[in-house]
């Protein structure tokens, strides 16, 4: 069953319900899709080692300056 067929079937059922039972149909808007959070890359072992080496170099430079 395609979406168009499904929509047509639901409209037929809605009309039948209104005619036979005299009831009211309440339709609701579709819920919005949740917002996606920005993708973040996890640090690899190499990235962690690189940042550690940078920190060591910065500490050595600070020690030499004093």
C-alpha atoms as a PDB file:
ATOM      1  CA  UNK A   1       0.000   0.000   0.000  1.00  0.00           C
ATOM      2  CA  UNK A   2       1.484   3.318  -1.054  1.00  0.00           C
ATOM      3  CA  UNK A   3       1.177   6.579   0.812  1.00  0.00           C
ATOM      4  CA  UNK A   4      -1.386   7.898  -1.657  1.00  0.00           C
ATOM      5  CA  UNK A   5      -3.531   4.778  -1.276  1.00  0.00           C
ATOM      6  CA  UNK A   6      -3.270   5.049   2.492  1.00  0.00           C
ATOM      7  CA  UNK A   7      -4.297   8.718   2.421  1.00  0.00           C
ATOM      8  CA  UNK A   8      -7.258   7.900   0.180  1.00  0.00           C
ATOM      9  CA  UNK A   9      -8.351   5.073   2.492  1.00  0.00           C
ATOM     10  CA  UNK A  10      -8.124   7.312   5.552  1.00  0.00           C
ATOM     11  CA  UNK A  11     -10.180   9.999   3.812  1.00  0.00           C
ATOM     12  CA  UNK A  12     -12.841   7.397   2.916  1.00  0.00           C
ATOM     13  CA  UNK A  13     -12.959   6.211   6.518  1.00  0.00           C
ATOM     14  CA  UNK A  14     -13.204   9.803   7.722  1.00  0.00           C
ATOM     15  CA  UNK A  15     -16.145  10.535   5.409  1.00  0.00           C
ATOM     16  CA  UNK A  16     -17.889   7.296   6.389  1.00  0.00           C
ATOM     17  CA  UNK A  17     -17.465   8.072  10.085  1.00  0.00           C
ATOM     18  CA  UNK A  18     -18.871  11.574   9.619  1.00  0.00           C
ATOM     19  CA  UNK A  19     -21.865  10.297   7.596  1.00  0.00           C
ATOM     20  CA  UNK A  20     -22.746   7.281   9.730  1.00  0.00           C
ATOM     21  CA  UNK A  21     -21.978   8.529  13.216  1.00  0.00           C
ATOM     22  CA  UNK A  22     -22.080  12.283  12.699  1.00  0.00           C
ATOM     23  CA  UNK A  23     -18.863  12.598  14.650  1.00  0.00           C
ATOM     24  CA  UNK A  24     -16.096  15.096  14.351  1.00  0.00           C
ATOM     25  CA  UNK A  25     -12.605  14.241  13.254  1.00  0.00           C
ATOM     26  CA  UNK A  26      -9.640  15.926  14.885  1.00  0.00           C
ATOM     27  CA  UNK A  27      -6.461  15.851  12.881  1.00  0.00           C
ATOM     28  CA  UNK A  28      -3.101  16.686  14.352  1.00  0.00           C
ATOM     29  CA  UNK A  29      -0.050  18.162  12.716  1.00  0.00           C
ATOM     30  CA  UNK A  30       2.911  15.877  12.281  1.00  0.00           C
ATOM     31  CA  UNK A  31       5.491  16.087  15.020  1.00  0.00           C
ATOM     32  CA  UNK A  32       8.661  17.899  13.921  1.00  0.00           C
ATOM     33  CA  UNK A  33      11.756  15.803  13.590  1.00  0.00           C
ATOM     34  CA  UNK A  34      14.140  16.223  16.516  1.00  0.00           C
ATOM     35  CA  UNK A  35      16.989  18.621  15.909  1.00  0.00           C
ATOM     36  CA  UNK A  36      20.267  16.903  15.278  1.00  0.00           C
ATOM     37  CA  UNK A  37      23.158  17.851  17.457  1.00  0.00           C
ATOM     38  CA  UNK A  38      26.363  18.746  15.664  1.00  0.00           C
ATOM     39  CA  UNK A  39      28.616  15.784  15.086  1.00  0.00           C
ATOM     40  CA  UNK A  40      31.716  15.666  17.225  1.00  0.00           C
ATOM     41  CA  UNK A  41      34.771  13.641  16.391  1.00  0.00           C
ATOM     42  CA  UNK A  42      36.160  11.552  19.214  1.00  0.00           C
ATOM     43  CA  UNK A  43      39.841  11.997  19.839  1.00  0.00           C
ATOM     44  CA  UNK A  44      41.889   9.053  18.613  1.00  0.00           C
ATOM     45  CA  UNK A  45      44.930   7.717  20.445  1.00  0.00           C
ATOM     46  CA  UNK A  46      47.144   9.676  18.048  1.00  0.00           C
ATOM     47  CA  UNK A  47      45.199  12.888  18.765  1.00  0.00           C
ATOM     48  CA  UNK A  48      45.563  12.350  22.502  1.00  0.00           C
ATOM     49  CA  UNK A  49      49.288  11.663  22.183  1.00  0.00           C
ATOM     50  CA  UNK A  50      49.691  14.801  20.048  1.00  0.00           C
ATOM     51  CA  UNK A  51      47.948  17.010  22.617  1.00  0.00           C
ATOM     52  CA  UNK A  52      50.050  15.497  25.401  1.00  0.00           C
ATOM     53  CA  UNK A  53      53.238  16.230  23.472  1.00  0.00           C
ATOM     54  CA  UNK A  54      52.104  19.812  22.890  1.00  0.00           C
ATOM     55  CA  UNK A  55      51.430  20.257  26.600  1.00  0.00           C
ATOM     56  CA  UNK A  56      54.873  18.858  27.453  1.00  0.00           C
ATOM     57  CA  UNK A  57      56.512  21.251  24.985  1.00  0.00           C
ATOM     58  CA  UNK A  58      54.593  24.210  26.413  1.00  0.00           C
ATOM     59  CA  UNK A  59      55.626  23.275  29.952  1.00  0.00           C
ATOM     60  CA  UNK A  60      59.277  22.996  28.869  1.00  0.00           C
ATOM     61  CA  UNK A  61      59.116  26.446  27.253  1.00  0.00           C
ATOM     62  CA  UNK A  62      57.593  27.943  30.398  1.00  0.00           C
ATOM     63  CA  UNK A  63      60.307  26.304  32.530  1.00  0.00           C
ATOM     64  CA  UNK A  64      63.043  27.717  30.274  1.00  0.00           C
ATOM     65  CA  UNK A  65      61.575  31.232  30.407  1.00  0.00           C
ATOM     66  CA  UNK A  66      61.728  31.344  34.222  1.00  0.00           C
END
